[in-house]
N, C-alpha and C. Protein backbone atom coordinates (compact mmCIF):
# COMPACT_ATOMS: atom_id res chain seq x y z
N MET A 1 -11.35 -4.66 -26.52
CA MET A 1 -11.28 -5.96 -25.84
C MET A 1 -10.06 -6.72 -26.34
N ILE A 2 -9.41 -7.43 -25.40
CA ILE A 2 -8.30 -8.32 -25.75
C ILE A 2 -8.74 -9.74 -25.45
N GLU A 3 -8.65 -10.62 -26.44
CA GLU A 3 -8.98 -12.03 -26.25
C GLU A 3 -7.72 -12.86 -26.37
N PHE A 4 -7.62 -13.88 -25.52
CA PHE A 4 -6.41 -14.69 -25.46
C PHE A 4 -6.80 -16.12 -25.15
N GLU A 5 -6.27 -17.08 -25.90
CA GLU A 5 -6.55 -18.49 -25.67
C GLU A 5 -5.28 -19.20 -25.24
N CYS A 6 -5.39 -20.08 -24.26
CA CYS A 6 -4.22 -20.83 -23.79
C CYS A 6 -4.67 -22.12 -23.13
N GLU A 7 -3.71 -22.98 -22.83
CA GLU A 7 -3.94 -24.18 -22.04
C GLU A 7 -3.30 -23.97 -20.68
N ALA A 8 -4.07 -24.19 -19.63
CA ALA A 8 -3.56 -23.98 -18.28
C ALA A 8 -4.25 -24.92 -17.31
N THR A 9 -3.62 -25.17 -16.17
CA THR A 9 -4.16 -26.09 -15.18
C THR A 9 -5.06 -25.40 -14.15
N SER A 10 -5.08 -24.07 -14.16
CA SER A 10 -5.92 -23.33 -13.22
C SER A 10 -6.18 -21.93 -13.77
N SER A 11 -7.15 -21.23 -13.18
CA SER A 11 -7.43 -19.86 -13.61
C SER A 11 -6.26 -18.94 -13.28
N VAL A 12 -5.56 -19.22 -12.18
CA VAL A 12 -4.40 -18.41 -11.81
C VAL A 12 -3.30 -18.56 -12.86
N ALA A 13 -3.07 -19.79 -13.30
CA ALA A 13 -2.05 -20.04 -14.32
C ALA A 13 -2.45 -19.40 -15.65
N ALA A 14 -3.75 -19.43 -15.97
CA ALA A 14 -4.21 -18.80 -17.21
C ALA A 14 -4.03 -17.29 -17.15
N ARG A 15 -4.33 -16.70 -16.00
CA ARG A 15 -4.16 -15.26 -15.85
C ARG A 15 -2.69 -14.87 -15.97
N ALA A 16 -1.81 -15.70 -15.41
CA ALA A 16 -0.38 -15.42 -15.50
C ALA A 16 0.08 -15.45 -16.96
N GLN A 17 -0.43 -16.40 -17.72
CA GLN A 17 -0.08 -16.48 -19.15
C GLN A 17 -0.59 -15.26 -19.91
N PHE A 18 -1.79 -14.83 -19.55
CA PHE A 18 -2.35 -13.64 -20.21
C PHE A 18 -1.48 -12.42 -19.96
N HIS A 19 -1.09 -12.22 -18.72
CA HIS A 19 -0.23 -11.08 -18.38
C HIS A 19 1.08 -11.14 -19.15
N GLU A 20 1.66 -12.33 -19.21
CA GLU A 20 2.94 -12.49 -19.88
C GLU A 20 2.82 -12.20 -21.37
N ALA A 21 1.70 -12.60 -21.98
CA ALA A 21 1.54 -12.45 -23.42
C ALA A 21 1.07 -11.06 -23.83
N ALA A 22 0.21 -10.44 -23.03
CA ALA A 22 -0.44 -9.21 -23.47
C ALA A 22 0.12 -7.94 -22.86
N ALA A 23 0.77 -8.04 -21.72
CA ALA A 23 1.15 -6.83 -20.97
C ALA A 23 2.07 -5.91 -21.76
N ALA A 24 3.08 -6.46 -22.41
CA ALA A 24 4.03 -5.61 -23.13
C ALA A 24 3.34 -4.82 -24.23
N SER A 25 2.39 -5.45 -24.93
CA SER A 25 1.67 -4.75 -26.00
C SER A 25 0.81 -3.63 -25.44
N VAL A 26 0.17 -3.89 -24.30
CA VAL A 26 -0.67 -2.87 -23.67
C VAL A 26 0.20 -1.72 -23.18
N ASP A 27 1.35 -2.03 -22.60
CA ASP A 27 2.26 -1.00 -22.12
C ASP A 27 2.76 -0.14 -23.28
N HIS A 28 3.13 -0.78 -24.37
CA HIS A 28 3.62 -0.03 -25.52
C HIS A 28 2.52 0.81 -26.14
N LEU A 29 1.30 0.30 -26.14
CA LEU A 29 0.16 1.07 -26.66
C LEU A 29 -0.03 2.34 -25.84
N SER A 30 0.09 2.24 -24.52
CA SER A 30 -0.04 3.41 -23.66
C SER A 30 1.02 4.45 -23.99
N TYR A 31 2.25 3.97 -24.20
CA TYR A 31 3.34 4.88 -24.55
C TYR A 31 3.13 5.48 -25.94
N ALA A 32 2.83 4.64 -26.93
CA ALA A 32 2.72 5.10 -28.31
C ALA A 32 1.59 6.10 -28.50
N MET A 33 0.46 5.88 -27.82
CA MET A 33 -0.69 6.76 -27.97
C MET A 33 -0.71 7.88 -26.94
N ASN A 34 0.24 7.83 -25.96
CA ASN A 34 0.31 8.84 -24.91
C ASN A 34 -1.02 8.93 -24.16
N LEU A 35 -1.54 7.77 -23.81
CA LEU A 35 -2.83 7.69 -23.13
C LEU A 35 -2.78 6.58 -22.06
N PRO A 36 -3.59 6.71 -21.01
CA PRO A 36 -3.68 5.61 -20.05
C PRO A 36 -4.45 4.44 -20.66
N VAL A 37 -4.03 3.24 -20.38
CA VAL A 37 -4.74 2.04 -20.82
C VAL A 37 -5.00 1.20 -19.57
N VAL A 38 -6.25 1.04 -19.22
CA VAL A 38 -6.63 0.34 -17.99
C VAL A 38 -7.30 -0.98 -18.33
N LEU A 39 -6.80 -2.07 -17.76
CA LEU A 39 -7.47 -3.36 -17.89
C LEU A 39 -8.55 -3.42 -16.81
N ALA A 40 -9.72 -2.98 -17.17
CA ALA A 40 -10.79 -2.81 -16.18
C ALA A 40 -11.33 -4.14 -15.67
N GLN A 41 -11.26 -5.17 -16.48
CA GLN A 41 -11.83 -6.46 -16.07
C GLN A 41 -11.12 -7.58 -16.80
N ILE A 42 -10.71 -8.60 -16.07
CA ILE A 42 -10.14 -9.80 -16.67
C ILE A 42 -11.04 -10.97 -16.31
N THR A 43 -11.60 -11.61 -17.33
CA THR A 43 -12.49 -12.74 -17.14
C THR A 43 -11.88 -13.98 -17.78
N ILE A 44 -11.85 -15.07 -17.04
CA ILE A 44 -11.24 -16.32 -17.52
C ILE A 44 -12.35 -17.35 -17.68
N VAL A 45 -12.46 -17.91 -18.88
CA VAL A 45 -13.49 -18.91 -19.18
C VAL A 45 -12.83 -20.25 -19.41
N ASP A 46 -13.15 -21.20 -18.54
CA ASP A 46 -12.67 -22.58 -18.67
C ASP A 46 -13.66 -23.31 -19.57
N THR A 47 -13.32 -23.46 -20.86
CA THR A 47 -14.26 -24.04 -21.82
C THR A 47 -14.47 -25.53 -21.59
N LYS A 48 -13.51 -26.21 -20.98
CA LYS A 48 -13.64 -27.63 -20.75
C LYS A 48 -14.63 -27.95 -19.64
N HIS A 49 -14.58 -27.17 -18.56
CA HIS A 49 -15.43 -27.44 -17.40
C HIS A 49 -16.60 -26.47 -17.26
N GLY A 50 -16.68 -25.49 -18.17
CA GLY A 50 -17.78 -24.54 -18.12
C GLY A 50 -17.74 -23.63 -16.90
N ILE A 51 -16.53 -23.23 -16.48
CA ILE A 51 -16.37 -22.38 -15.29
C ILE A 51 -15.84 -21.02 -15.72
N THR A 52 -16.46 -19.96 -15.23
CA THR A 52 -16.02 -18.60 -15.52
C THR A 52 -15.50 -17.95 -14.24
N THR A 53 -14.31 -17.40 -14.31
CA THR A 53 -13.70 -16.73 -13.16
C THR A 53 -13.46 -15.27 -13.52
N ALA A 54 -13.89 -14.37 -12.65
CA ALA A 54 -13.73 -12.94 -12.90
C ALA A 54 -13.20 -12.24 -11.66
N GLU A 55 -12.41 -11.20 -11.88
CA GLU A 55 -11.92 -10.40 -10.77
C GLU A 55 -13.05 -9.55 -10.21
N LEU A 56 -12.98 -9.29 -8.92
CA LEU A 56 -14.00 -8.46 -8.28
C LEU A 56 -13.32 -7.51 -7.30
N ILE A 57 -13.59 -6.22 -7.46
CA ILE A 57 -13.10 -5.21 -6.51
C ILE A 57 -14.29 -4.79 -5.65
N PRO A 58 -14.32 -5.21 -4.38
CA PRO A 58 -15.48 -4.90 -3.54
C PRO A 58 -15.54 -3.41 -3.20
N PRO A 59 -16.74 -2.88 -3.08
CA PRO A 59 -16.88 -1.45 -2.71
C PRO A 59 -16.58 -1.25 -1.23
N TYR A 60 -16.20 -0.02 -0.88
CA TYR A 60 -16.00 0.31 0.53
C TYR A 60 -17.37 0.42 1.21
N PRO A 61 -17.46 0.08 2.49
CA PRO A 61 -18.74 0.17 3.19
C PRO A 61 -19.14 1.62 3.44
N ALA A 62 -20.44 1.84 3.63
CA ALA A 62 -20.93 3.17 3.95
C ALA A 62 -20.45 3.57 5.34
N LYS A 63 -20.11 4.83 5.52
CA LYS A 63 -19.60 5.31 6.79
C LYS A 63 -20.42 6.50 7.28
N GLN A 64 -20.59 6.59 8.61
CA GLN A 64 -21.25 7.72 9.22
C GLN A 64 -20.19 8.76 9.56
N LEU A 65 -20.30 9.96 9.01
CA LEU A 65 -19.29 10.99 9.24
C LEU A 65 -19.35 11.49 10.68
N SER A 66 -18.21 11.48 11.34
CA SER A 66 -18.12 11.95 12.72
C SER A 66 -17.58 13.37 12.75
N LEU A 67 -18.05 14.16 13.70
CA LEU A 67 -17.58 15.55 13.81
C LEU A 67 -16.10 15.61 14.19
N SER A 68 -15.58 14.54 14.80
CA SER A 68 -14.19 14.55 15.23
C SER A 68 -13.22 14.60 14.05
N VAL A 69 -13.67 14.18 12.86
CA VAL A 69 -12.76 14.18 11.71
C VAL A 69 -12.52 15.58 11.17
N SER A 70 -13.22 16.59 11.73
CA SER A 70 -13.01 17.96 11.27
C SER A 70 -11.77 18.59 11.88
N LYS A 71 -11.14 17.90 12.84
CA LYS A 71 -9.96 18.42 13.51
C LYS A 71 -8.71 17.78 12.91
N ILE A 72 -7.87 18.56 12.30
CA ILE A 72 -6.64 18.03 11.73
C ILE A 72 -5.47 18.91 12.16
N HIS A 73 -4.28 18.33 12.18
CA HIS A 73 -3.09 19.09 12.53
C HIS A 73 -2.29 19.34 11.26
N PRO A 74 -1.84 20.57 11.04
CA PRO A 74 -1.13 20.89 9.79
C PRO A 74 0.12 20.06 9.57
N THR A 75 0.77 19.62 10.65
CA THR A 75 1.98 18.81 10.50
C THR A 75 1.69 17.49 9.79
N LEU A 76 0.48 16.97 9.98
CA LEU A 76 0.12 15.69 9.39
C LEU A 76 -0.60 15.83 8.05
N ALA A 77 -0.75 17.06 7.57
CA ALA A 77 -1.44 17.27 6.30
C ALA A 77 -0.83 16.46 5.15
N PRO A 78 0.51 16.40 5.02
CA PRO A 78 1.09 15.58 3.94
C PRO A 78 0.77 14.10 4.07
N ALA A 79 0.68 13.62 5.31
CA ALA A 79 0.36 12.20 5.53
C ALA A 79 -1.07 11.91 5.11
N TYR A 80 -2.00 12.82 5.47
CA TYR A 80 -3.39 12.63 5.05
C TYR A 80 -3.51 12.67 3.52
N ALA A 81 -2.78 13.58 2.89
CA ALA A 81 -2.84 13.71 1.44
C ALA A 81 -2.32 12.44 0.77
N MET A 82 -1.21 11.91 1.28
CA MET A 82 -0.64 10.70 0.71
C MET A 82 -1.54 9.50 0.95
N TYR A 83 -2.23 9.49 2.10
CA TYR A 83 -3.13 8.38 2.40
C TYR A 83 -4.31 8.37 1.42
N ARG A 84 -4.86 9.54 1.14
CA ARG A 84 -5.96 9.61 0.16
C ARG A 84 -5.48 9.18 -1.22
N GLU A 85 -4.24 9.57 -1.55
CA GLU A 85 -3.66 9.18 -2.83
C GLU A 85 -3.57 7.65 -2.92
N ALA A 86 -3.19 7.03 -1.81
CA ALA A 86 -3.10 5.57 -1.77
C ALA A 86 -4.47 4.93 -1.95
N LYS A 87 -5.48 5.47 -1.28
CA LYS A 87 -6.82 4.91 -1.37
C LYS A 87 -7.39 5.04 -2.79
N ASN A 88 -7.02 6.11 -3.48
CA ASN A 88 -7.54 6.34 -4.83
C ASN A 88 -6.76 5.59 -5.90
N ALA A 89 -5.61 5.02 -5.54
CA ALA A 89 -4.74 4.38 -6.53
C ALA A 89 -5.30 3.03 -6.96
N GLY A 90 -5.13 2.72 -8.23
CA GLY A 90 -5.57 1.44 -8.76
C GLY A 90 -4.46 0.41 -8.79
N SER A 91 -3.23 0.85 -8.70
CA SER A 91 -2.09 -0.05 -8.76
C SER A 91 -1.61 -0.43 -7.37
N PRO A 92 -1.41 -1.72 -7.09
CA PRO A 92 -0.89 -2.11 -5.77
C PRO A 92 0.52 -1.58 -5.53
N PHE A 93 1.28 -1.36 -6.60
CA PHE A 93 2.63 -0.84 -6.45
C PHE A 93 2.60 0.62 -5.98
N TYR A 94 1.77 1.42 -6.65
CA TYR A 94 1.70 2.83 -6.27
C TYR A 94 1.03 2.98 -4.92
N ARG A 95 0.03 2.15 -4.64
CA ARG A 95 -0.64 2.22 -3.33
C ARG A 95 0.37 1.91 -2.22
N PHE A 96 1.17 0.87 -2.42
CA PHE A 96 2.19 0.54 -1.43
C PHE A 96 3.18 1.68 -1.27
N PHE A 97 3.62 2.27 -2.38
CA PHE A 97 4.63 3.33 -2.32
C PHE A 97 4.12 4.52 -1.52
N CYS A 98 2.85 4.90 -1.72
CA CYS A 98 2.26 6.01 -0.96
C CYS A 98 2.23 5.69 0.53
N LEU A 99 1.80 4.49 0.88
CA LEU A 99 1.73 4.11 2.29
C LEU A 99 3.12 4.02 2.91
N TYR A 100 4.07 3.51 2.14
CA TYR A 100 5.44 3.44 2.62
C TYR A 100 5.98 4.83 2.92
N LYS A 101 5.71 5.79 2.04
CA LYS A 101 6.21 7.15 2.24
C LYS A 101 5.60 7.78 3.48
N ILE A 102 4.38 7.41 3.82
CA ILE A 102 3.77 7.91 5.07
C ILE A 102 4.56 7.39 6.26
N LEU A 103 4.80 6.09 6.29
CA LEU A 103 5.56 5.51 7.40
C LEU A 103 6.97 6.09 7.47
N GLU A 104 7.58 6.29 6.34
CA GLU A 104 8.92 6.87 6.31
C GLU A 104 8.90 8.28 6.89
N GLY A 105 7.92 9.07 6.49
CA GLY A 105 7.82 10.44 6.99
C GLY A 105 7.59 10.50 8.48
N LEU A 106 6.77 9.59 9.00
CA LEU A 106 6.44 9.62 10.42
C LEU A 106 7.55 9.00 11.27
N LEU A 107 8.01 7.81 10.89
CA LEU A 107 8.95 7.07 11.72
C LEU A 107 10.39 7.54 11.58
N VAL A 108 10.75 8.04 10.41
CA VAL A 108 12.13 8.44 10.17
C VAL A 108 12.35 9.93 10.42
N PHE A 109 11.44 10.76 9.94
CA PHE A 109 11.67 12.20 10.01
C PHE A 109 10.90 12.87 11.16
N LEU A 110 9.59 12.69 11.23
CA LEU A 110 8.80 13.40 12.24
C LEU A 110 9.09 12.91 13.65
N ARG A 111 9.35 11.65 13.79
CA ARG A 111 9.52 11.06 15.12
C ARG A 111 10.59 11.77 15.94
N GLY A 112 11.81 11.90 15.39
CA GLY A 112 12.89 12.54 16.13
C GLY A 112 12.62 14.01 16.38
N GLU A 113 12.09 14.69 15.38
CA GLU A 113 11.80 16.12 15.50
C GLU A 113 10.77 16.38 16.58
N LEU A 114 9.74 15.56 16.60
CA LEU A 114 8.64 15.75 17.55
C LEU A 114 9.10 15.48 18.99
N TYR A 115 9.89 14.43 19.18
CA TYR A 115 10.32 14.11 20.53
C TYR A 115 11.35 15.11 21.04
N GLU A 116 12.14 15.70 20.15
CA GLU A 116 13.05 16.77 20.55
C GLU A 116 12.27 18.00 20.99
N LYS A 117 11.22 18.32 20.25
CA LYS A 117 10.39 19.48 20.60
C LYS A 117 9.71 19.24 21.95
N ALA A 118 9.25 18.01 22.17
CA ALA A 118 8.60 17.69 23.44
C ALA A 118 9.59 17.77 24.60
N LYS A 119 10.81 17.34 24.35
CA LYS A 119 11.85 17.40 25.39
C LYS A 119 12.14 18.84 25.77
N ALA A 120 12.20 19.72 24.77
CA ALA A 120 12.46 21.14 25.03
C ALA A 120 11.33 21.77 25.85
N LYS A 121 10.12 21.28 25.66
CA LYS A 121 8.97 21.81 26.38
C LYS A 121 8.71 21.03 27.67
N GLN A 122 9.58 20.06 27.97
CA GLN A 122 9.45 19.22 29.17
C GLN A 122 8.12 18.47 29.18
N ILE A 123 7.79 17.92 28.02
CA ILE A 123 6.58 17.13 27.87
C ILE A 123 6.98 15.68 27.63
N ASN A 124 6.42 14.78 28.38
CA ASN A 124 6.71 13.36 28.22
C ASN A 124 5.72 12.74 27.23
N LEU A 125 6.22 12.35 26.10
CA LEU A 125 5.36 11.74 25.09
C LEU A 125 5.40 10.21 25.23
N PRO A 126 4.30 9.55 24.91
CA PRO A 126 4.32 8.08 24.94
C PRO A 126 5.26 7.54 23.87
N LYS A 127 6.00 6.49 24.20
CA LYS A 127 6.91 5.90 23.24
C LYS A 127 6.13 5.19 22.14
N PHE A 128 6.72 5.16 20.95
CA PHE A 128 6.09 4.46 19.84
C PHE A 128 6.44 2.97 19.94
N THR A 129 5.54 2.21 20.53
CA THR A 129 5.78 0.78 20.77
C THR A 129 4.82 -0.08 19.97
N ALA A 130 4.27 0.46 18.88
CA ALA A 130 3.27 -0.26 18.10
C ALA A 130 3.85 -1.55 17.53
N LYS A 131 3.02 -2.58 17.51
CA LYS A 131 3.39 -3.88 16.95
C LYS A 131 2.64 -4.12 15.63
N VAL A 132 3.18 -4.98 14.83
CA VAL A 132 2.53 -5.33 13.56
C VAL A 132 1.22 -6.05 13.89
N PRO A 133 0.08 -5.55 13.40
CA PRO A 133 -1.21 -6.15 13.74
C PRO A 133 -1.53 -7.37 12.88
N ALA A 134 -2.48 -8.14 13.34
CA ALA A 134 -3.00 -9.28 12.57
C ALA A 134 -4.37 -8.91 12.03
N TYR A 135 -4.81 -9.60 11.01
CA TYR A 135 -6.16 -9.37 10.48
C TYR A 135 -6.65 -10.64 9.81
N GLU A 136 -7.94 -10.71 9.59
CA GLU A 136 -8.55 -11.89 8.99
C GLU A 136 -8.06 -12.08 7.55
N HIS A 137 -7.84 -13.32 7.18
CA HIS A 137 -7.39 -13.69 5.82
C HIS A 137 -5.99 -13.16 5.52
N MET A 138 -5.18 -13.01 6.55
CA MET A 138 -3.81 -12.55 6.36
C MET A 138 -3.01 -13.62 5.62
N ALA A 139 -2.17 -13.20 4.68
CA ALA A 139 -1.35 -14.14 3.93
C ALA A 139 -0.42 -14.89 4.87
N ASP A 140 -0.22 -16.18 4.60
CA ASP A 140 0.59 -17.03 5.47
C ASP A 140 2.00 -16.47 5.66
N GLU A 141 2.59 -15.96 4.58
CA GLU A 141 3.97 -15.49 4.66
C GLU A 141 4.13 -14.22 5.47
N LEU A 142 3.01 -13.54 5.76
CA LEU A 142 3.07 -12.31 6.56
C LEU A 142 2.82 -12.56 8.05
N GLN A 143 2.27 -13.70 8.39
CA GLN A 143 1.89 -13.96 9.78
C GLN A 143 3.08 -14.02 10.72
N GLN A 144 4.26 -14.32 10.18
CA GLN A 144 5.46 -14.39 11.03
C GLN A 144 5.84 -13.03 11.61
N TYR A 145 5.31 -11.93 11.03
CA TYR A 145 5.67 -10.60 11.50
C TYR A 145 4.69 -10.06 12.54
N VAL A 146 3.58 -10.74 12.76
CA VAL A 146 2.59 -10.27 13.72
C VAL A 146 3.20 -10.18 15.11
N GLY A 147 2.99 -9.05 15.77
CA GLY A 147 3.52 -8.85 17.11
C GLY A 147 4.93 -8.32 17.14
N LYS A 148 5.58 -8.21 15.98
CA LYS A 148 6.94 -7.66 15.91
C LYS A 148 6.87 -6.13 15.95
N PRO A 149 7.92 -5.46 16.45
CA PRO A 149 7.92 -3.99 16.47
C PRO A 149 7.72 -3.42 15.07
N MET A 150 6.83 -2.45 14.95
CA MET A 150 6.48 -1.91 13.65
C MET A 150 7.66 -1.25 12.96
N HIS A 151 8.51 -0.55 13.74
CA HIS A 151 9.62 0.14 13.10
C HIS A 151 10.62 -0.86 12.51
N LYS A 152 10.78 -2.03 13.14
CA LYS A 152 11.67 -3.05 12.59
C LYS A 152 11.05 -3.68 11.34
N PHE A 153 9.76 -3.89 11.37
CA PHE A 153 9.05 -4.40 10.19
C PHE A 153 9.20 -3.43 9.03
N PHE A 154 9.12 -2.14 9.33
CA PHE A 154 9.29 -1.11 8.30
C PHE A 154 10.69 -1.17 7.70
N GLU A 155 11.70 -1.26 8.54
CA GLU A 155 13.08 -1.21 8.08
C GLU A 155 13.54 -2.51 7.43
N GLU A 156 13.20 -3.64 8.07
CA GLU A 156 13.77 -4.91 7.64
C GLU A 156 12.94 -5.63 6.59
N VAL A 157 11.65 -5.31 6.51
CA VAL A 157 10.79 -6.01 5.55
C VAL A 157 10.29 -5.08 4.46
N LEU A 158 9.57 -4.04 4.85
CA LEU A 158 8.99 -3.15 3.84
C LEU A 158 10.08 -2.45 3.02
N GLN A 159 11.09 -1.94 3.69
CA GLN A 159 12.15 -1.22 2.98
C GLN A 159 13.01 -2.17 2.14
N THR A 160 13.45 -3.24 2.75
CA THR A 160 14.38 -4.15 2.08
C THR A 160 13.71 -4.98 0.98
N ASN A 161 12.53 -5.53 1.26
CA ASN A 161 11.91 -6.47 0.33
C ASN A 161 10.94 -5.84 -0.66
N PHE A 162 10.48 -4.63 -0.37
CA PHE A 162 9.46 -4.04 -1.23
C PHE A 162 9.84 -2.66 -1.77
N ARG A 163 10.21 -1.76 -0.88
CA ARG A 163 10.48 -0.39 -1.31
C ARG A 163 11.68 -0.31 -2.25
N ASN A 164 12.76 -1.00 -1.91
CA ASN A 164 13.98 -0.89 -2.71
C ASN A 164 13.78 -1.40 -4.14
N SER A 165 13.06 -2.49 -4.30
CA SER A 165 12.83 -3.02 -5.64
C SER A 165 11.87 -2.15 -6.43
N LEU A 166 11.02 -1.39 -5.72
CA LEU A 166 10.07 -0.51 -6.39
C LEU A 166 10.69 0.83 -6.76
N ALA A 167 11.61 1.30 -5.93
CA ALA A 167 12.18 2.63 -6.13
C ALA A 167 13.31 2.64 -7.16
N HIS A 168 13.91 1.49 -7.42
CA HIS A 168 15.04 1.44 -8.35
C HIS A 168 14.65 0.66 -9.59
N PHE A 169 15.15 1.10 -10.73
CA PHE A 169 14.83 0.41 -11.99
C PHE A 169 15.33 -1.02 -11.97
N ALA A 170 16.51 -1.23 -11.39
CA ALA A 170 17.08 -2.57 -11.32
C ALA A 170 17.68 -2.79 -9.94
N ASN A 171 17.66 -4.04 -9.47
CA ASN A 171 18.24 -4.34 -8.18
C ASN A 171 19.73 -4.71 -8.34
N ASP A 172 20.31 -5.23 -7.27
CA ASP A 172 21.75 -5.52 -7.29
C ASP A 172 22.12 -6.57 -8.33
N THR A 173 21.17 -7.43 -8.68
CA THR A 173 21.46 -8.46 -9.68
C THR A 173 21.21 -7.97 -11.10
N GLY A 174 20.72 -6.74 -11.23
CA GLY A 174 20.46 -6.20 -12.56
C GLY A 174 19.06 -6.45 -13.06
N ALA A 175 18.23 -7.12 -12.25
CA ALA A 175 16.86 -7.43 -12.67
C ALA A 175 15.92 -6.28 -12.30
N ALA A 176 15.07 -5.90 -13.23
CA ALA A 176 14.09 -4.83 -12.99
C ALA A 176 12.80 -5.43 -12.42
N LEU A 177 12.06 -4.63 -11.66
CA LEU A 177 10.79 -5.08 -11.12
C LEU A 177 9.79 -5.26 -12.26
N ASP A 178 9.22 -6.44 -12.38
CA ASP A 178 8.25 -6.73 -13.43
C ASP A 178 6.85 -6.38 -12.93
N VAL A 179 6.39 -5.17 -13.21
CA VAL A 179 5.08 -4.73 -12.69
C VAL A 179 3.93 -5.43 -13.40
N ASN A 180 4.21 -6.17 -14.46
CA ASN A 180 3.18 -6.96 -15.14
C ASN A 180 3.19 -8.42 -14.71
N GLY A 181 4.20 -8.81 -13.95
CA GLY A 181 4.28 -10.20 -13.50
C GLY A 181 3.27 -10.49 -12.42
N LEU A 182 2.49 -11.53 -12.61
CA LEU A 182 1.42 -11.85 -11.65
C LEU A 182 1.99 -12.12 -10.26
N GLN A 183 3.16 -12.72 -10.20
CA GLN A 183 3.78 -13.01 -8.90
C GLN A 183 4.08 -11.72 -8.14
N GLU A 184 4.60 -10.71 -8.83
CA GLU A 184 4.90 -9.44 -8.18
C GLU A 184 3.63 -8.68 -7.83
N ILE A 185 2.64 -8.73 -8.71
CA ILE A 185 1.36 -8.07 -8.42
C ILE A 185 0.75 -8.64 -7.15
N GLU A 186 0.75 -9.96 -7.02
CA GLU A 186 0.16 -10.59 -5.85
C GLU A 186 1.01 -10.34 -4.60
N ARG A 187 2.33 -10.29 -4.76
CA ARG A 187 3.21 -10.06 -3.61
C ARG A 187 2.95 -8.68 -3.01
N TYR A 188 2.83 -7.67 -3.84
CA TYR A 188 2.57 -6.32 -3.34
C TYR A 188 1.12 -6.19 -2.85
N SER A 189 0.20 -6.86 -3.54
CA SER A 189 -1.21 -6.80 -3.13
C SER A 189 -1.39 -7.36 -1.73
N LYS A 190 -0.64 -8.42 -1.39
CA LYS A 190 -0.78 -9.05 -0.08
C LYS A 190 -0.27 -8.14 1.03
N VAL A 191 0.79 -7.38 0.76
CA VAL A 191 1.39 -6.57 1.83
C VAL A 191 0.75 -5.19 1.95
N VAL A 192 -0.01 -4.77 0.95
CA VAL A 192 -0.60 -3.43 0.95
C VAL A 192 -1.53 -3.22 2.15
N HIS A 193 -2.41 -4.19 2.41
CA HIS A 193 -3.38 -3.98 3.49
C HIS A 193 -2.67 -3.92 4.85
N LEU A 194 -1.66 -4.75 5.05
CA LEU A 194 -0.92 -4.71 6.30
C LEU A 194 -0.19 -3.38 6.45
N THR A 195 0.37 -2.86 5.37
CA THR A 195 1.03 -1.56 5.41
C THR A 195 0.03 -0.46 5.72
N ASP A 196 -1.19 -0.60 5.19
CA ASP A 196 -2.27 0.35 5.46
C ASP A 196 -2.59 0.37 6.96
N LEU A 197 -2.73 -0.80 7.56
CA LEU A 197 -3.03 -0.88 9.00
C LEU A 197 -1.91 -0.26 9.83
N CYS A 198 -0.67 -0.49 9.42
CA CYS A 198 0.46 0.10 10.13
C CYS A 198 0.42 1.63 10.03
N CYS A 199 0.07 2.13 8.84
CA CYS A 199 -0.03 3.58 8.64
C CYS A 199 -1.07 4.19 9.56
N ARG A 200 -2.21 3.56 9.65
CA ARG A 200 -3.30 4.11 10.46
C ARG A 200 -2.89 4.16 11.94
N GLU A 201 -2.20 3.13 12.38
CA GLU A 201 -1.77 3.11 13.79
C GLU A 201 -0.70 4.16 14.04
N ALA A 202 0.21 4.33 13.08
CA ALA A 202 1.27 5.33 13.24
C ALA A 202 0.68 6.74 13.22
N ILE A 203 -0.24 7.00 12.31
CA ILE A 203 -0.87 8.33 12.24
C ILE A 203 -1.61 8.63 13.54
N ALA A 204 -2.34 7.64 14.06
CA ALA A 204 -3.08 7.84 15.32
C ALA A 204 -2.14 8.17 16.46
N HIS A 205 -0.98 7.50 16.51
CA HIS A 205 -0.01 7.78 17.57
C HIS A 205 0.49 9.21 17.49
N PHE A 206 0.86 9.66 16.29
CA PHE A 206 1.41 11.00 16.16
C PHE A 206 0.33 12.08 16.28
N GLU A 207 -0.91 11.73 15.99
CA GLU A 207 -2.00 12.67 16.27
C GLU A 207 -2.08 12.95 17.77
N SER A 208 -1.98 11.89 18.58
CA SER A 208 -2.06 12.07 20.03
C SER A 208 -0.84 12.81 20.56
N CYS A 209 0.34 12.58 19.96
CA CYS A 209 1.55 13.28 20.39
C CYS A 209 1.47 14.77 20.05
N LEU A 210 1.03 15.08 18.85
CA LEU A 210 0.92 16.48 18.43
C LEU A 210 -0.11 17.23 19.27
N ALA A 211 -1.14 16.53 19.72
CA ALA A 211 -2.14 17.16 20.58
C ALA A 211 -1.53 17.62 21.89
N LEU A 212 -0.45 16.96 22.33
CA LEU A 212 0.22 17.34 23.56
C LEU A 212 1.29 18.40 23.33
N VAL A 213 2.04 18.27 22.23
CA VAL A 213 3.16 19.17 21.98
C VAL A 213 2.72 20.48 21.37
N ASP A 214 1.80 20.43 20.43
CA ASP A 214 1.39 21.62 19.70
C ASP A 214 -0.10 21.58 19.45
N PRO A 215 -0.92 21.75 20.49
CA PRO A 215 -2.36 21.55 20.38
C PRO A 215 -3.09 22.71 19.69
N VAL A 216 -2.75 22.96 18.43
CA VAL A 216 -3.42 24.02 17.66
C VAL A 216 -3.88 23.40 16.34
N PRO A 217 -4.97 22.65 16.36
CA PRO A 217 -5.41 21.98 15.15
C PRO A 217 -6.10 22.96 14.17
N LEU A 218 -6.02 22.61 12.91
CA LEU A 218 -6.82 23.32 11.92
C LEU A 218 -8.22 22.72 11.95
N THR A 219 -9.19 23.43 11.40
CA THR A 219 -10.53 22.86 11.29
C THR A 219 -10.85 22.64 9.84
N ASN A 220 -11.62 21.62 9.60
CA ASN A 220 -11.98 21.24 8.24
C ASN A 220 -13.47 21.47 8.02
N ASP A 221 -14.02 22.50 8.68
CA ASP A 221 -15.47 22.78 8.60
C ASP A 221 -15.81 23.46 7.29
């Protein structure tokens, strides 16, 4: 257990101070001991007002398995694998990176290849005209992108504002991404769910295209 005392005006400010004070020691401990160190729970106790604030990770809802999920296309196997990796990830940074790589693989690489193959077979595929979706409790700063073309959102927002700072140790100004900074944690956490929704829509589109171009699915029975 790590205990930390501070003066703060809110639980968010107290959590930010905790990250700033303790994160480097926890990171170094992981390196020195060559072991993972997971902060499984952060609880903030306001001793003045008698208020306790704790993080909560809600469970996923129960799902009824459909027989249709047994049909998969081998071309999309890497996308499914990366999606599961994202769902299993505990870090918003790694979860975002996995989802970003799915969109990159579909929109940048598979898209041109698939439409060329369809053209050679004289098959007319539906154009990828997906828009950025909206969802309940969407962060205010993300709402401006709702209804915008998904491929532009991928290139101009996800790649420029998130992927580049995550993929490189330092940006153009020489500053490294602070994965322990509460501001960065929250910034990536807010965009992860929207990136997830974009991934699902993109995968669904290419599933329907592959069914027309190369309708030989594998079975997962």
